[in-house]
């Protein structure tokens, strides 16, 4: 089954997603890697609005990401327990 990939800015609150890739330059990668947002990381979207930051939780920490940053983080849905056989 192919999982749909989308930007973090399109994820809905309460949704757990997996980071697939980071679509930015070297400085962008360095900054997010320092926060622990590496490909393969599991994050949960806490707050998502049309304006303002995207707030996520990762490893027990809440992080506020700007809309532009959230748009450059490519994520995919986690399989639900019903999908695992």
N, C-alpha and C. Protein backbone atom coordinates (compact mmCIF):
# COMPACT_ATOMS: atom_id res chain seq x y z
N UNK A 1 0.84 -1.18 0.00
CA UNK A 1 0.00 0.00 0.00
C UNK A 1 0.89 1.25 0.00
N UNK A 2 0.62 2.16 -0.91
CA UNK A 2 1.38 3.39 -1.01
C UNK A 2 0.75 4.44 -0.10
N UNK A 3 1.58 5.00 0.76
CA UNK A 3 1.08 6.03 1.67
C UNK A 3 1.16 7.39 1.00
N UNK A 4 0.14 8.18 1.21
CA UNK A 4 0.10 9.52 0.65
C UNK A 4 1.05 10.42 1.43
N UNK A 5 1.80 11.22 0.71
CA UNK A 5 2.71 12.17 1.33
C UNK A 5 2.15 13.58 1.13
N UNK A 6 2.30 14.42 2.14
CA UNK A 6 1.79 15.78 2.10
C UNK A 6 2.62 16.63 3.04
N UNK A 7 2.45 17.94 2.96
CA UNK A 7 3.23 18.83 3.82
C UNK A 7 2.58 18.87 5.21
N UNK A 8 3.40 19.12 6.20
CA UNK A 8 2.92 19.20 7.59
C UNK A 8 1.87 20.28 7.75
N UNK A 9 1.93 21.31 6.94
CA UNK A 9 0.96 22.40 7.04
C UNK A 9 -0.45 21.95 6.67
N UNK A 10 -0.61 20.79 6.05
CA UNK A 10 -1.92 20.28 5.67
C UNK A 10 -2.46 19.22 6.64
N UNK A 11 -1.68 18.84 7.65
CA UNK A 11 -2.11 17.83 8.62
C UNK A 11 -3.13 18.43 9.58
N UNK A 12 -4.07 17.61 10.01
CA UNK A 12 -5.11 18.09 10.93
C UNK A 12 -4.69 17.86 12.38
N UNK A 13 -5.18 18.68 13.31
CA UNK A 13 -4.84 18.53 14.72
C UNK A 13 -5.23 17.15 15.25
N UNK A 14 -4.38 16.60 16.12
CA UNK A 14 -4.62 15.29 16.71
C UNK A 14 -4.09 14.15 15.87
N UNK A 15 -3.59 14.45 14.71
CA UNK A 15 -3.11 13.43 13.78
C UNK A 15 -1.63 13.13 14.04
N UNK A 16 -1.28 11.84 14.08
CA UNK A 16 0.12 11.45 14.19
C UNK A 16 0.64 11.14 12.80
N UNK A 17 1.81 11.69 12.50
CA UNK A 17 2.40 11.52 11.18
C UNK A 17 3.88 11.19 11.32
N UNK A 18 4.45 10.69 10.24
CA UNK A 18 5.86 10.35 10.19
C UNK A 18 6.56 11.29 9.22
N UNK A 19 7.68 11.85 9.64
CA UNK A 19 8.45 12.75 8.77
C UNK A 19 9.10 11.91 7.68
N UNK A 20 8.86 12.30 6.43
CA UNK A 20 9.42 11.57 5.28
C UNK A 20 10.66 12.28 4.77
N UNK A 21 10.56 13.59 4.58
CA UNK A 21 11.72 14.34 4.07
C UNK A 21 11.60 15.81 4.45
N UNK A 22 12.70 16.51 4.28
CA UNK A 22 12.76 17.95 4.56
C UNK A 22 13.12 18.64 3.25
N UNK A 23 12.26 19.53 2.78
CA UNK A 23 12.45 20.19 1.49
C UNK A 23 13.01 21.59 1.69
N UNK A 24 14.26 21.69 2.07
CA UNK A 24 14.87 22.99 2.30
C UNK A 24 16.38 22.91 2.12
N UNK A 25 17.03 24.00 2.36
CA UNK A 25 18.47 24.07 2.21
C UNK A 25 19.23 23.55 3.41
N UNK A 26 20.54 23.76 3.40
CA UNK A 26 21.42 23.25 4.44
C UNK A 26 21.10 23.83 5.81
N UNK A 27 20.86 25.15 5.88
CA UNK A 27 20.51 25.78 7.15
C UNK A 27 19.20 25.27 7.72
N UNK A 28 18.23 25.08 6.83
CA UNK A 28 16.93 24.53 7.21
C UNK A 28 17.09 23.13 7.80
N UNK A 29 17.85 22.28 7.11
CA UNK A 29 18.10 20.92 7.59
C UNK A 29 18.80 20.93 8.94
N UNK A 30 19.82 21.75 9.08
CA UNK A 30 20.57 21.82 10.33
C UNK A 30 19.68 22.22 11.49
N UNK A 31 18.84 23.22 11.27
CA UNK A 31 17.96 23.71 12.32
C UNK A 31 16.95 22.64 12.76
N UNK A 32 16.33 21.97 11.80
CA UNK A 32 15.35 20.95 12.15
C UNK A 32 15.99 19.69 12.74
N UNK A 33 17.16 19.35 12.25
CA UNK A 33 17.87 18.19 12.82
C UNK A 33 18.24 18.45 14.27
N UNK A 34 18.58 19.70 14.60
CA UNK A 34 18.89 20.06 15.98
C UNK A 34 17.67 19.92 16.89
N UNK A 35 16.47 20.07 16.31
CA UNK A 35 15.22 19.90 17.07
C UNK A 35 14.80 18.43 17.13
N UNK A 36 15.50 17.57 16.42
CA UNK A 36 15.14 16.16 16.41
C UNK A 36 14.14 15.79 15.34
N UNK A 37 13.85 16.72 14.44
CA UNK A 37 12.90 16.43 13.37
C UNK A 37 13.65 15.86 12.17
N UNK A 38 13.94 14.58 12.25
CA UNK A 38 14.67 13.89 11.21
C UNK A 38 13.71 12.98 10.46
N UNK A 39 14.02 12.61 9.23
CA UNK A 39 13.17 11.66 8.52
C UNK A 39 13.02 10.38 9.35
N UNK A 40 11.79 9.94 9.49
CA UNK A 40 11.48 8.77 10.31
C UNK A 40 10.90 9.14 11.67
N UNK A 41 11.02 10.39 12.08
CA UNK A 41 10.49 10.83 13.38
C UNK A 41 8.96 10.82 13.36
N UNK A 42 8.37 10.41 14.46
CA UNK A 42 6.92 10.40 14.61
C UNK A 42 6.52 11.65 15.40
N UNK A 43 5.63 12.44 14.84
CA UNK A 43 5.19 13.67 15.49
C UNK A 43 3.66 13.71 15.53
N UNK A 44 3.12 14.49 16.45
CA UNK A 44 1.68 14.69 16.53
C UNK A 44 1.37 16.16 16.38
N UNK A 45 0.40 16.47 15.55
CA UNK A 45 -0.01 17.85 15.33
C UNK A 45 -0.94 18.25 16.46
N UNK A 46 -0.54 19.25 17.25
CA UNK A 46 -1.34 19.70 18.39
C UNK A 46 -2.31 20.80 17.96
N UNK A 47 -1.82 21.78 17.22
CA UNK A 47 -2.64 22.91 16.78
C UNK A 47 -2.30 23.24 15.33
N UNK A 48 -3.33 23.49 14.56
CA UNK A 48 -3.14 23.86 13.16
C UNK A 48 -4.25 24.84 12.81
N UNK A 49 -3.89 26.04 12.43
CA UNK A 49 -4.89 27.05 12.06
C UNK A 49 -4.50 27.65 10.71
N UNK A 50 -5.37 28.43 10.14
CA UNK A 50 -5.08 29.05 8.85
C UNK A 50 -3.96 30.09 8.97
N UNK A 51 -3.86 30.71 10.14
CA UNK A 51 -2.79 31.67 10.38
C UNK A 51 -2.07 31.28 11.66
N UNK A 52 -0.88 31.77 11.82
CA UNK A 52 -0.12 31.46 13.03
C UNK A 52 0.67 30.18 12.89
N UNK A 53 1.38 29.82 13.95
CA UNK A 53 2.27 28.67 13.88
C UNK A 53 1.54 27.34 13.92
N UNK A 54 2.24 26.32 13.45
CA UNK A 54 1.79 24.93 13.56
C UNK A 54 2.49 24.40 14.82
N UNK A 55 1.73 23.94 15.79
CA UNK A 55 2.32 23.44 17.03
C UNK A 55 2.27 21.92 17.00
N UNK A 56 3.43 21.30 17.21
CA UNK A 56 3.54 19.84 17.19
C UNK A 56 4.13 19.35 18.51
N UNK A 57 3.95 18.08 18.78
CA UNK A 57 4.62 17.45 19.92
C UNK A 57 5.54 16.37 19.36
N UNK A 58 6.73 16.33 19.93
CA UNK A 58 7.74 15.35 19.51
C UNK A 58 8.62 15.03 20.71
N UNK A 59 8.68 13.78 21.07
CA UNK A 59 9.48 13.32 22.22
C UNK A 59 9.13 14.08 23.50
N UNK A 60 7.85 14.33 23.73
CA UNK A 60 7.40 15.00 24.94
C UNK A 60 7.58 16.50 24.95
N UNK A 61 8.04 17.08 23.84
CA UNK A 61 8.23 18.54 23.74
C UNK A 61 7.24 19.12 22.75
N UNK A 62 6.79 20.33 23.05
CA UNK A 62 5.93 21.05 22.12
C UNK A 62 6.80 22.04 21.34
N UNK A 63 6.67 22.01 20.03
CA UNK A 63 7.44 22.90 19.17
C UNK A 63 6.48 23.72 18.32
N UNK A 64 6.75 25.01 18.18
CA UNK A 64 5.97 25.89 17.32
C UNK A 64 6.78 26.14 16.05
N UNK A 65 6.19 25.77 14.93
CA UNK A 65 6.85 25.95 13.64
C UNK A 65 6.06 26.95 12.81
N UNK A 66 6.76 27.84 12.16
CA UNK A 66 6.10 28.80 11.28
C UNK A 66 5.45 28.09 10.11
N UNK A 67 4.50 28.76 9.46
CA UNK A 67 3.77 28.16 8.33
C UNK A 67 4.71 27.77 7.20
N UNK A 68 5.70 28.61 6.91
CA UNK A 68 6.64 28.30 5.83
C UNK A 68 7.48 27.08 6.14
N UNK A 69 7.90 26.95 7.38
CA UNK A 69 8.68 25.79 7.81
C UNK A 69 7.83 24.53 7.73
N UNK A 70 6.59 24.61 8.24
CA UNK A 70 5.70 23.45 8.22
C UNK A 70 5.40 23.02 6.79
N UNK A 71 5.36 23.97 5.88
CA UNK A 71 5.08 23.64 4.48
C UNK A 71 6.23 22.85 3.84
N UNK A 72 7.46 23.02 4.35
CA UNK A 72 8.62 22.34 3.79
C UNK A 72 8.91 20.98 4.42
N UNK A 73 8.12 20.58 5.42
CA UNK A 73 8.29 19.27 6.05
C UNK A 73 7.29 18.31 5.42
N UNK A 74 7.79 17.30 4.74
CA UNK A 74 6.93 16.33 4.05
C UNK A 74 6.70 15.14 4.98
N UNK A 75 5.43 14.80 5.19
CA UNK A 75 5.05 13.74 6.13
C UNK A 75 4.13 12.74 5.45
N UNK A 76 3.91 11.61 6.13
CA UNK A 76 2.92 10.62 5.68
C UNK A 76 2.17 10.11 6.89
N UNK A 77 0.98 9.59 6.64
CA UNK A 77 0.16 9.04 7.72
C UNK A 77 0.82 7.80 8.29
N UNK A 78 0.57 7.57 9.57
CA UNK A 78 0.99 6.33 10.19
C UNK A 78 -0.09 5.28 9.91
N UNK A 79 0.28 4.03 9.76
CA UNK A 79 -0.75 3.01 9.57
C UNK A 79 -1.57 2.86 10.84
N UNK A 80 -2.87 2.74 10.68
CA UNK A 80 -3.72 2.52 11.85
C UNK A 80 -3.62 1.06 12.26
N UNK A 81 -4.08 0.74 13.46
CA UNK A 81 -4.00 -0.63 13.95
C UNK A 81 -4.82 -1.58 13.06
N UNK A 82 -5.84 -1.07 12.38
CA UNK A 82 -6.65 -1.90 11.49
C UNK A 82 -5.88 -2.27 10.22
N UNK A 83 -4.89 -1.42 9.84
CA UNK A 83 -4.09 -1.70 8.63
C UNK A 83 -3.01 -2.74 8.89
N UNK A 84 -2.60 -2.91 10.14
CA UNK A 84 -1.52 -3.84 10.47
C UNK A 84 -2.10 -5.23 10.64
N UNK A 85 -1.58 -6.17 9.88
CA UNK A 85 -2.09 -7.54 9.95
C UNK A 85 -0.97 -8.52 10.19
